[in-house]
């Protein structure tokens, strides 16, 4: 009589962290992911490629011929025409945008870092309710505040004043949320206690120790603030009536609305120049941005 043997079901042995090993992906799943990523890349880069090709064509040929490939080279002549239009007002718009974005993003990052750090490392009454309000503010589109801000600035006589653009730019609920999450994960309480034992003040601990540990999150907040202020159109268009104070987004829209006074090719050329600071910022801060986006993903 032969003994019947039962086959035990195979089980995955947990690794050192107590987690089951990752299952190998199939060729089909990798192909699907690759196709989706490729389609998304083409979708997002297609307008930028068309803008680059059109802006480098000889002046007046931006909307003729093949829009997806180069046909002659007239970029330098186009930049000269762009500079001559309106006595160089385009570069004044670029300078205004850099000023609004640089100052607004820097102050906004500092305030977000201090607020998020306080929420993460200090215990005070109402901390949970305050953090809930900040989370609710993240979900509210900023465009809804445009009209109330205009009425408020009009009441205090800040219309046609750069402060009408800078003051709303330094407030970032998402920046406070991100700083809070990153501070809770990357700044150990033991380090803060060691600083207190050494006699350092709370602000010095934040400035000399905690802020350096939070550097990836700070760079990420700065980058998001910079891009958000740069792309902001409605608020500057309502509060800045003087052409010399407007950012480049408002100026280009005004050019595009004036087909007789400003040739349409200049709008295309100006649009290409206007995205260069954003590309430079992303490339320069890319490694910090990737590190900051994973803040709070693992403990």
C-alpha atoms as a PDB file:
ATOM      1  CA  UNK A   1       0.000   0.000   0.000  1.00  0.00           C
ATOM      2  CA  UNK A   2       1.553   3.202  -1.092  1.00  0.00           C
ATOM      3  CA  UNK A   3       1.351   6.187   1.109  1.00  0.00           C
ATOM      4  CA  UNK A   4      -0.376   9.160  -0.358  1.00  0.00           C
ATOM      5  CA  UNK A   5       1.575  12.344  -0.038  1.00  0.00           C
ATOM      6  CA  UNK A   6      -0.062  15.718  -0.043  1.00  0.00           C
ATOM      7  CA  UNK A   7       1.695  18.618  -1.643  1.00  0.00           C
ATOM      8  CA  UNK A   8       2.008  21.566   0.643  1.00  0.00           C
ATOM      9  CA  UNK A   9       1.092  24.924  -0.856  1.00  0.00           C
ATOM     10  CA  UNK A  10       4.092  27.062  -1.481  1.00  0.00           C
ATOM     11  CA  UNK A  11       4.265  30.191   0.578  1.00  0.00           C
ATOM     12  CA  UNK A  12       6.358  33.256   0.052  1.00  0.00           C
ATOM     13  CA  UNK A  13       8.894  33.788   2.752  1.00  0.00           C
ATOM     14  CA  UNK A  14       8.969  37.298   4.096  1.00  0.00           C
ATOM     15  CA  UNK A  15      12.164  39.251   3.737  1.00  0.00           C
ATOM     16  CA  UNK A  16      14.110  40.913   6.527  1.00  0.00           C
ATOM     17  CA  UNK A  17      11.496  43.673   6.851  1.00  0.00           C
ATOM     18  CA  UNK A  18       8.638  41.201   7.178  1.00  0.00           C
ATOM     19  CA  UNK A  19       7.270  41.965   3.713  1.00  0.00           C
ATOM     20  CA  UNK A  20       6.613  39.525   0.897  1.00  0.00           C
ATOM     21  CA  UNK A  21       8.984  39.842  -2.046  1.00  0.00           C
ATOM     22  CA  UNK A  22       7.845  41.851  -5.070  1.00  0.00           C
ATOM     23  CA  UNK A  23       6.164  39.851  -7.816  1.00  0.00           C
ATOM     24  CA  UNK A  24       7.876  39.977 -11.175  1.00  0.00           C
ATOM     25  CA  UNK A  25       6.035  42.030 -13.759  1.00  0.00           C
ATOM     26  CA  UNK A  26       4.936  40.430 -16.993  1.00  0.00           C
ATOM     27  CA  UNK A  27       6.003  41.535 -20.447  1.00  0.00           C
ATOM     28  CA  UNK A  28       2.445  42.643 -21.217  1.00  0.00           C
ATOM     29  CA  UNK A  29       2.229  44.904 -18.173  1.00  0.00           C
ATOM     30  CA  UNK A  30       5.602  46.476 -18.951  1.00  0.00           C
ATOM     31  CA  UNK A  31       4.529  47.074 -22.536  1.00  0.00           C
ATOM     32  CA  UNK A  32       1.251  48.679 -21.487  1.00  0.00           C
ATOM     33  CA  UNK A  33       3.034  50.970 -19.026  1.00  0.00           C
ATOM     34  CA  UNK A  34       5.634  51.914 -21.637  1.00  0.00           C
ATOM     35  CA  UNK A  35       2.948  52.725 -24.213  1.00  0.00           C
ATOM     36  CA  UNK A  36       0.975  54.854 -21.756  1.00  0.00           C
ATOM     37  CA  UNK A  37       4.074  56.762 -20.676  1.00  0.00           C
ATOM     38  CA  UNK A  38       5.102  57.322 -24.299  1.00  0.00           C
ATOM     39  CA  UNK A  39       1.664  58.631 -25.256  1.00  0.00           C
ATOM     40  CA  UNK A  40       1.628  60.931 -22.225  1.00  0.00           C
ATOM     41  CA  UNK A  41       5.099  62.249 -23.046  1.00  0.00           C
ATOM     42  CA  UNK A  42       4.134  63.025 -26.633  1.00  0.00           C
ATOM     43  CA  UNK A  43       0.893  64.642 -25.488  1.00  0.00           C
ATOM     44  CA  UNK A  44       2.605  67.019 -23.076  1.00  0.00           C
ATOM     45  CA  UNK A  45       5.673  67.785 -25.202  1.00  0.00           C
ATOM     46  CA  UNK A  46       3.827  68.266 -28.504  1.00  0.00           C
ATOM     47  CA  UNK A  47       2.819  71.931 -27.856  1.00  0.00           C
ATOM     48  CA  UNK A  48       6.329  72.773 -26.694  1.00  0.00           C
ATOM     49  CA  UNK A  49       7.855  71.189 -29.801  1.00  0.00           C
ATOM     50  CA  UNK A  50       5.475  73.099 -32.081  1.00  0.00           C
ATOM     51  CA  UNK A  51       6.334  76.311 -30.228  1.00  0.00           C
ATOM     52  CA  UNK A  52      10.066  75.700 -30.678  1.00  0.00           C
ATOM     53  CA  UNK A  53       9.723  74.924 -34.385  1.00  0.00           C
ATOM     54  CA  UNK A  54       7.445  77.879 -35.095  1.00  0.00           C
ATOM     55  CA  UNK A  55       9.531  80.412 -33.170  1.00  0.00           C
ATOM     56  CA  UNK A  56      12.697  79.525 -35.071  1.00  0.00           C
ATOM     57  CA  UNK A  57      11.123  79.981 -38.507  1.00  0.00           C
ATOM     58  CA  UNK A  58      11.711  83.236 -40.436  1.00  0.00           C
ATOM     59  CA  UNK A  59       9.399  86.020 -39.328  1.00  0.00           C
ATOM     60  CA  UNK A  60       5.945  85.781 -40.896  1.00  0.00           C
ATOM     61  CA  UNK A  61       6.157  82.043 -41.621  1.00  0.00           C
ATOM     62  CA  UNK A  62       5.179  80.845 -38.140  1.00  0.00           C
ATOM     63  CA  UNK A  63       1.788  79.548 -39.285  1.00  0.00           C
ATOM     64  CA  UNK A  64       2.777  78.249 -42.726  1.00  0.00           C
ATOM     65  CA  UNK A  65       4.467  75.103 -43.966  1.00  0.00           C
ATOM     66  CA  UNK A  66       5.146  72.080 -41.806  1.00  0.00           C
ATOM     67  CA  UNK A  67       4.487  73.006 -38.205  1.00  0.00           C
ATOM     68  CA  UNK A  68       6.327  69.993 -36.820  1.00  0.00           C
ATOM     69  CA  UNK A  69       9.717  70.460 -38.476  1.00  0.00           C
ATOM     70  CA  UNK A  70      12.161  73.274 -39.095  1.00  0.00           C
ATOM     71  CA  UNK A  71      11.944  75.283 -42.296  1.00  0.00           C
ATOM     72  CA  UNK A  72      14.653  77.924 -42.264  1.00  0.00           C
ATOM     73  CA  UNK A  73      16.182  79.628 -39.247  1.00  0.00           C
ATOM     74  CA  UNK A  74      15.271  83.134 -38.162  1.00  0.00           C
ATOM     75  CA  UNK A  75      15.378  82.982 -34.393  1.00  0.00           C
ATOM     76  CA  UNK A  76      17.857  85.823 -33.898  1.00  0.00           C
ATOM     77  CA  UNK A  77      15.962  88.136 -36.234  1.00  0.00           C
ATOM     78  CA  UNK A  78      12.753  87.216 -34.424  1.00  0.00           C
ATOM     79  CA  UNK A  79      14.315  88.137 -31.077  1.00  0.00           C
ATOM     80  CA  UNK A  80      15.379  91.501 -32.485  1.00  0.00           C
ATOM     81  CA  UNK A  81      11.817  92.184 -33.636  1.00  0.00           C
ATOM     82  CA  UNK A  82      10.512  91.064 -30.261  1.00  0.00           C
ATOM     83  CA  UNK A  83      12.830  93.523 -28.522  1.00  0.00           C
ATOM     84  CA  UNK A  84      11.865  96.389 -30.830  1.00  0.00           C
ATOM     85  CA  UNK A  85       8.126  95.925 -30.287  1.00  0.00           C
ATOM     86  CA  UNK A  86       6.768  98.496 -27.830  1.00  0.00           C
ATOM     87  CA  UNK A  87      10.237  99.839 -26.948  1.00  0.00           C
ATOM     88  CA  UNK A  88      11.264  96.541 -25.367  1.00  0.00           C
ATOM     89  CA  UNK A  89       8.238  96.169 -23.134  1.00  0.00           C
ATOM     90  CA  UNK A  90       8.394  92.386 -23.452  1.00  0.00           C
ATOM     91  CA  UNK A  91      11.622  92.262 -21.445  1.00  0.00           C
ATOM     92  CA  UNK A  92      10.036  94.524 -18.850  1.00  0.00           C
ATOM     93  CA  UNK A  93       7.272  91.950 -18.536  1.00  0.00           C
ATOM     94  CA  UNK A  94       9.850  89.194 -18.160  1.00  0.00           C
ATOM     95  CA  UNK A  95      11.628  91.161 -15.445  1.00  0.00           C
ATOM     96  CA  UNK A  96       8.333  91.743 -13.656  1.00  0.00           C
ATOM     97  CA  UNK A  97       7.526  88.020 -13.752  1.00  0.00           C
ATOM     98  CA  UNK A  98      10.946  87.108 -12.386  1.00  0.00           C
ATOM     99  CA  UNK A  99      10.518  89.665  -9.605  1.00  0.00           C
ATOM    100  CA  UNK A 100       7.023  88.509  -8.641  1.00  0.00           C
ATOM    101  CA  UNK A 101       7.969  84.818  -8.826  1.00  0.00           C
ATOM    102  CA  UNK A 102      11.347  85.108  -7.113  1.00  0.00           C
ATOM    103  CA  UNK A 103      10.228  87.264  -4.202  1.00  0.00           C
ATOM    104  CA  UNK A 104       6.837  85.603  -3.816  1.00  0.00           C
ATOM    105  CA  UNK A 105       8.226  82.067  -3.965  1.00  0.00           C
ATOM    106  CA  UNK A 106      11.086  82.838  -1.550  1.00  0.00           C
ATOM    107  CA  UNK A 107       8.866  84.444   1.099  1.00  0.00           C
ATOM    108  CA  UNK A 108       6.141  81.857   0.553  1.00  0.00           C
ATOM    109  CA  UNK A 109       8.616  79.012   1.017  1.00  0.00           C
ATOM    110  CA  UNK A 110       9.925  80.524   4.258  1.00  0.00           C
ATOM    111  CA  UNK A 111       6.440  80.999   5.690  1.00  0.00           C
ATOM    112  CA  UNK A 112       5.355  77.516   4.600  1.00  0.00           C
ATOM    113  CA  UNK A 113       8.448  75.955   6.157  1.00  0.00           C
ATOM    114  CA  UNK A 114       7.939  77.737   9.461  1.00  0.00           C
ATOM    115  CA  UNK A 115       4.226  76.915   9.557  1.00  0.00           C
ATOM    116  CA  UNK A 116       4.687  73.264   8.621  1.00  0.00           C
ATOM    117  CA  UNK A 117       7.550  72.851  11.082  1.00  0.00           C
ATOM    118  CA  UNK A 118       5.469  74.330  13.911  1.00  0.00           C
ATOM    119  CA  UNK A 119       2.538  72.030  13.126  1.00  0.00           C
ATOM    120  CA  UNK A 120       4.786  68.987  13.058  1.00  0.00           C
ATOM    121  CA  UNK A 121       7.030  69.605  16.076  1.00  0.00           C
ATOM    122  CA  UNK A 122       5.059  71.734  18.542  1.00  0.00           C
ATOM    123  CA  UNK A 123       2.045  70.707  20.576  1.00  0.00           C
ATOM    124  CA  UNK A 124      -0.385  73.560  21.133  1.00  0.00           C
ATOM    125  CA  UNK A 125      -4.171  73.873  21.540  1.00  0.00           C
ATOM    126  CA  UNK A 126      -6.062  73.796  18.272  1.00  0.00           C
ATOM    127  CA  UNK A 127      -3.232  72.257  16.246  1.00  0.00           C
ATOM    128  CA  UNK A 128      -5.452  69.577  14.740  1.00  0.00           C
ATOM    129  CA  UNK A 129      -8.195  72.054  13.846  1.00  0.00           C
ATOM    130  CA  UNK A 130      -5.675  74.425  12.279  1.00  0.00           C
ATOM    131  CA  UNK A 131      -4.196  71.635  10.179  1.00  0.00           C
ATOM    132  CA  UNK A 132      -7.710  70.673   9.081  1.00  0.00           C
ATOM    133  CA  UNK A 133      -8.348  74.225   7.908  1.00  0.00           C
ATOM    134  CA  UNK A 134      -5.100  74.140   5.933  1.00  0.00           C
ATOM    135  CA  UNK A 135      -6.112  70.877   4.279  1.00  0.00           C
ATOM    136  CA  UNK A 136      -9.475  72.379   3.379  1.00  0.00           C
ATOM    137  CA  UNK A 137      -7.732  75.415   1.891  1.00  0.00           C
ATOM    138  CA  UNK A 138      -5.676  73.109  -0.337  1.00  0.00           C
ATOM    139  CA  UNK A 139      -8.893  71.872  -1.944  1.00  0.00           C
ATOM    140  CA  UNK A 140     -10.251  75.354  -2.686  1.00  0.00           C
ATOM    141  CA  UNK A 141      -9.198  76.725  -6.123  1.00  0.00           C
ATOM    142  CA  UNK A 142      -7.332  80.003  -5.783  1.00  0.00           C
ATOM    143  CA  UNK A 143      -9.268  81.472  -8.684  1.00  0.00           C
ATOM    144  CA  UNK A 144     -12.271  81.771  -6.363  1.00  0.00           C
ATOM    145  CA  UNK A 145     -10.387  84.341  -4.283  1.00  0.00           C
ATOM    146  CA  UNK A 146      -9.642  86.635  -7.232  1.00  0.00           C
ATOM    147  CA  UNK A 147     -12.729  88.829  -6.997  1.00  0.00           C
ATOM    148  CA  UNK A 148     -12.635  89.162  -3.172  1.00  0.00           C
ATOM    149  CA  UNK A 149      -8.940  90.045  -3.367  1.00  0.00           C
ATOM    150  CA  UNK A 150      -9.639  92.664  -6.021  1.00  0.00           C
ATOM    151  CA  UNK A 151     -12.366  94.259  -3.889  1.00  0.00           C
ATOM    152  CA  UNK A 152     -10.130  94.176  -0.812  1.00  0.00           C
ATOM    153  CA  UNK A 153      -7.123  95.699  -2.596  1.00  0.00           C
ATOM    154  CA  UNK A 154      -9.381  98.308  -4.146  1.00  0.00           C
ATOM    155  CA  UNK A 155     -10.594  99.260  -0.692  1.00  0.00           C
ATOM    156  CA  UNK A 156      -7.052  99.777   0.621  1.00  0.00           C
ATOM    157  CA  UNK A 157      -5.862 101.503  -2.583  1.00  0.00           C
ATOM    158  CA  UNK A 158      -3.427  98.811  -3.726  1.00  0.00           C
ATOM    159  CA  UNK A 159      -4.643  98.617  -7.319  1.00  0.00           C
ATOM    160  CA  UNK A 160      -1.754  99.119  -9.785  1.00  0.00           C
ATOM    161  CA  UNK A 161       0.642  98.204  -6.998  1.00  0.00           C
ATOM    162  CA  UNK A 162       3.040  95.215  -7.117  1.00  0.00           C
ATOM    163  CA  UNK A 163       1.963  94.320  -3.573  1.00  0.00           C
ATOM    164  CA  UNK A 164      -1.424  93.303  -4.968  1.00  0.00           C
ATOM    165  CA  UNK A 165       0.343  90.445  -6.749  1.00  0.00           C
ATOM    166  CA  UNK A 166       3.024  89.676  -4.151  1.00  0.00           C
ATOM    167  CA  UNK A 167       0.848  89.464  -1.027  1.00  0.00           C
ATOM    168  CA  UNK A 168      -1.456  86.647  -2.258  1.00  0.00           C
ATOM    169  CA  UNK A 169       1.559  84.836  -3.726  1.00  0.00           C
ATOM    170  CA  UNK A 170       3.268  84.273  -0.386  1.00  0.00           C
ATOM    171  CA  UNK A 171       0.348  82.219   0.978  1.00  0.00           C
ATOM    172  CA  UNK A 172       0.542  78.523   0.094  1.00  0.00           C
ATOM    173  CA  UNK A 173      -1.608  76.001   2.014  1.00  0.00           C
ATOM    174  CA  UNK A 174      -0.100  73.168  -0.040  1.00  0.00           C
ATOM    175  CA  UNK A 175       3.382  74.372   0.901  1.00  0.00           C
ATOM    176  CA  UNK A 176       2.463  74.293   4.598  1.00  0.00           C
ATOM    177  CA  UNK A 177       1.061  70.775   4.198  1.00  0.00           C
ATOM    178  CA  UNK A 178       4.163  69.526   2.399  1.00  0.00           C
ATOM    179  CA  UNK A 179       6.494  71.138   4.937  1.00  0.00           C
ATOM    180  CA  UNK A 180       4.522  69.613   7.786  1.00  0.00           C
ATOM    181  CA  UNK A 181       4.709  66.108   6.320  1.00  0.00           C
ATOM    182  CA  UNK A 182       8.410  66.386   5.542  1.00  0.00           C
ATOM    183  CA  UNK A 183       9.301  67.884   8.936  1.00  0.00           C
ATOM    184  CA  UNK A 184       7.480  65.075  10.723  1.00  0.00           C
ATOM    185  CA  UNK A 185       9.426  62.450   8.764  1.00  0.00           C
ATOM    186  CA  UNK A 186      12.888  63.965   8.366  1.00  0.00           C
ATOM    187  CA  UNK A 187      13.521  65.995  11.539  1.00  0.00           C
ATOM    188  CA  UNK A 188      13.986  63.688  14.574  1.00  0.00           C
ATOM    189  CA  UNK A 189      12.760  64.954  17.926  1.00  0.00           C
ATOM    190  CA  UNK A 190      16.081  63.884  19.458  1.00  0.00           C
ATOM    191  CA  UNK A 191      17.957  66.393  17.318  1.00  0.00           C
ATOM    192  CA  UNK A 192      15.672  69.200  18.477  1.00  0.00           C
ATOM    193  CA  UNK A 193      16.116  68.175  22.121  1.00  0.00           C
ATOM    194  CA  UNK A 194      19.895  68.093  21.679  1.00  0.00           C
ATOM    195  CA  UNK A 195      19.800  71.643  20.343  1.00  0.00           C
ATOM    196  CA  UNK A 196      17.748  72.794  23.316  1.00  0.00           C
ATOM    197  CA  UNK A 197      20.161  71.150  25.745  1.00  0.00           C
ATOM    198  CA  UNK A 198      23.023  73.016  24.060  1.00  0.00           C
ATOM    199  CA  UNK A 199      21.202  76.271  24.745  1.00  0.00           C
ATOM    200  CA  UNK A 200      20.093  77.092  21.196  1.00  0.00           C
ATOM    201  CA  UNK A 201      16.922  79.097  20.752  1.00  0.00           C
ATOM    202  CA  UNK A 202      13.935  77.645  18.924  1.00  0.00           C
ATOM    203  CA  UNK A 203      14.497  79.842  15.886  1.00  0.00           C
ATOM    204  CA  UNK A 204      18.183  78.921  15.744  1.00  0.00           C
ATOM    205  CA  UNK A 205      17.299  75.229  15.895  1.00  0.00           C
ATOM    206  CA  UNK A 206      14.929  75.728  12.989  1.00  0.00           C
ATOM    207  CA  UNK A 207      17.356  77.871  10.974  1.00  0.00           C
ATOM    208  CA  UNK A 208      20.569  75.915  11.560  1.00  0.00           C
ATOM    209  CA  UNK A 209      19.370  72.327  11.950  1.00  0.00           C
ATOM    210  CA  UNK A 210      15.797  71.676  10.882  1.00  0.00           C
ATOM    211  CA  UNK A 211      15.805  73.825   7.744  1.00  0.00           C
ATOM    212  CA  UNK A 212      18.832  71.956   6.394  1.00  0.00           C
ATOM    213  CA  UNK A 213      17.140  68.626   6.959  1.00  0.00           C
ATOM    214  CA  UNK A 214      14.039  69.962   5.200  1.00  0.00           C
ATOM    215  CA  UNK A 215      15.992  71.266   2.186  1.00  0.00           C
ATOM    216  CA  UNK A 216      14.418  68.889  -0.396  1.00  0.00           C
ATOM    217  CA  UNK A 217      10.921  69.932   0.700  1.00  0.00           C
ATOM    218  CA  UNK A 218      11.883  73.626   0.701  1.00  0.00           C
ATOM    219  CA  UNK A 219      13.187  73.425  -2.856  1.00  0.00           C
ATOM    220  CA  UNK A 220      10.047  71.584  -3.926  1.00  0.00           C
ATOM    221  CA  UNK A 221       7.801  74.211  -2.332  1.00  0.00           C
ATOM    222  CA  UNK A 222       9.825  76.978  -3.973  1.00  0.00           C
ATOM    223  CA  UNK A 223       9.505  75.326  -7.371  1.00  0.00           C
ATOM    224  CA  UNK A 224       5.741  74.851  -7.079  1.00  0.00           C
ATOM    225  CA  UNK A 225       5.305  78.430  -5.893  1.00  0.00           C
ATOM    226  CA  UNK A 226       7.484  79.771  -8.707  1.00  0.00           C
ATOM    227  CA  UNK A 227       5.506  77.942 -11.386  1.00  0.00           C
ATOM    228  CA  UNK A 228       2.142  78.852  -9.849  1.00  0.00           C
ATOM    229  CA  UNK A 229       2.965  82.566  -9.671  1.00  0.00           C
ATOM    230  CA  UNK A 230       4.445  82.533 -13.177  1.00  0.00           C
ATOM    231  CA  UNK A 231       1.303  80.964 -14.666  1.00  0.00           C
ATOM    232  CA  UNK A 232      -1.083  83.174 -12.708  1.00  0.00           C
ATOM    233  CA  UNK A 233      -3.057  85.353 -15.082  1.00  0.00           C
ATOM    234  CA  UNK A 234      -6.440  86.438 -13.722  1.00  0.00           C
ATOM    235  CA  UNK A 235      -5.322  88.241 -10.557  1.00  0.00           C
ATOM    236  CA  UNK A 236      -2.523  90.320 -12.197  1.00  0.00           C
ATOM    237  CA  UNK A 237      -4.842  91.148 -15.094  1.00  0.00           C
ATOM    238  CA  UNK A 238      -7.428  92.564 -12.679  1.00  0.00           C
ATOM    239  CA  UNK A 239      -5.193  94.451 -10.238  1.00  0.00           C
ATOM    240  CA  UNK A 240      -2.489  95.745 -12.627  1.00  0.00           C
ATOM    241  CA  UNK A 241      -3.749  98.163 -15.251  1.00  0.00           C
ATOM    242  CA  UNK A 242      -0.349  99.686 -15.994  1.00  0.00           C
ATOM    243  CA  UNK A 243       1.394  97.854 -18.852  1.00  0.00           C
ATOM    244  CA  UNK A 244       4.826  98.440 -17.307  1.00  0.00           C
ATOM    245  CA  UNK A 245       3.855  96.473 -14.175  1.00  0.00           C
ATOM    246  CA  UNK A 246       2.217  93.472 -15.794  1.00  0.00           C
ATOM    247  CA  UNK A 247       3.822  90.021 -15.877  1.00  0.00           C
ATOM    248  CA  UNK A 248       4.610  88.304 -19.146  1.00  0.00           C
ATOM    249  CA  UNK A 249       1.469  86.138 -19.113  1.00  0.00           C
ATOM    250  CA  UNK A 250      -0.834  89.161 -19.025  1.00  0.00           C
ATOM    251  CA  UNK A 251       1.274  91.013 -21.581  1.00  0.00           C
ATOM    252  CA  UNK A 252       1.226  88.180 -24.110  1.00  0.00           C
ATOM    253  CA  UNK A 253      -2.528  87.788 -23.800  1.00  0.00           C
ATOM    254  CA  UNK A 254      -2.876  91.504 -24.476  1.00  0.00           C
ATOM    255  CA  UNK A 255      -0.677  91.182 -27.550  1.00  0.00           C
ATOM    256  CA  UNK A 256      -2.700  88.230 -28.771  1.00  0.00           C
ATOM    257  CA  UNK A 257      -5.916  90.251 -28.452  1.00  0.00           C
ATOM    258  CA  UNK A 258      -4.418  93.065 -30.559  1.00  0.00           C
ATOM    259  CA  UNK A 259      -3.878  91.452 -33.967  1.00  0.00           C
ATOM    260  CA  UNK A 260      -3.537  94.812 -35.744  1.00  0.00           C
ATOM    261  CA  UNK A 261      -1.053  96.555 -33.441  1.00  0.00           C
ATOM    262  CA  UNK A 262       1.065  93.454 -32.720  1.00  0.00           C
ATOM    263  CA  UNK A 263       1.819  90.803 -35.372  1.00  0.00           C
ATOM    264  CA  UNK A 264       0.722  87.312 -34.241  1.00  0.00           C
ATOM    265  CA  UNK A 265       4.213  85.815 -34.852  1.00  0.00           C
ATOM    266  CA  UNK A 266       5.543  87.963 -32.008  1.00  0.00           C
ATOM    267  CA  UNK A 267       3.148  86.218 -29.619  1.00  0.00           C
ATOM    268  CA  UNK A 268       4.578  82.842 -30.639  1.00  0.00           C
ATOM    269  CA  UNK A 269       8.170  84.028 -30.229  1.00  0.00           C
ATOM    270  CA  UNK A 270       7.394  85.641 -26.880  1.00  0.00           C
ATOM    271  CA  UNK A 271       5.673  82.475 -25.680  1.00  0.00           C
ATOM    272  CA  UNK A 272       8.802  80.442 -26.356  1.00  0.00           C
ATOM    273  CA  UNK A 273      10.993  82.899 -24.466  1.00  0.00           C
ATOM    274  CA  UNK A 274       8.541  82.994 -21.562  1.00  0.00           C
ATOM    275  CA  UNK A 275       8.798  79.242 -20.861  1.00  0.00           C
ATOM    276  CA  UNK A 276      12.604  79.214 -20.736  1.00  0.00           C
ATOM    277  CA  UNK A 277      12.808  80.288 -17.037  1.00  0.00           C
ATOM    278  CA  UNK A 278      10.425  77.486 -16.074  1.00  0.00           C
ATOM    279  CA  UNK A 279      12.496  74.888 -17.942  1.00  0.00           C
ATOM    280  CA  UNK A 280      15.707  76.173 -16.365  1.00  0.00           C
ATOM    281  CA  UNK A 281      14.134  76.055 -12.901  1.00  0.00           C
ATOM    282  CA  UNK A 282      12.934  72.480 -13.365  1.00  0.00           C
ATOM    283  CA  UNK A 283      16.275  71.269 -14.677  1.00  0.00           C
ATOM    284  CA  UNK A 284      18.258  73.032 -11.964  1.00  0.00           C
ATOM    285  CA  UNK A 285      16.056  71.815  -9.097  1.00  0.00           C
ATOM    286  CA  UNK A 286      15.048  68.441 -10.493  1.00  0.00           C
ATOM    287  CA  UNK A 287      16.938  66.253  -8.037  1.00  0.00           C
ATOM    288  CA  UNK A 288      15.582  68.182  -5.045  1.00  0.00           C
ATOM    289  CA  UNK A 289      12.104  68.085  -6.553  1.00  0.00           C
ATOM    290  CA  UNK A 290      12.137  64.294  -6.907  1.00  0.00           C
ATOM    291  CA  UNK A 291      13.311  63.882  -3.323  1.00  0.00           C
ATOM    292  CA  UNK A 292      10.674  66.246  -2.014  1.00  0.00           C
ATOM    293  CA  UNK A 293       7.805  64.581  -3.865  1.00  0.00           C
ATOM    294  CA  UNK A 294       8.472  61.294  -2.024  1.00  0.00           C
ATOM    295  CA  UNK A 295       8.354  62.983   1.379  1.00  0.00           C
ATOM    296  CA  UNK A 296       6.074  61.043   3.683  1.00  0.00           C
ATOM    297  CA  UNK A 297       5.796  58.075   1.316  1.00  0.00           C
ATOM    298  CA  UNK A 298       7.710  55.800   3.688  1.00  0.00           C
ATOM    299  CA  UNK A 299       8.414  56.026   7.353  1.00  0.00           C
END
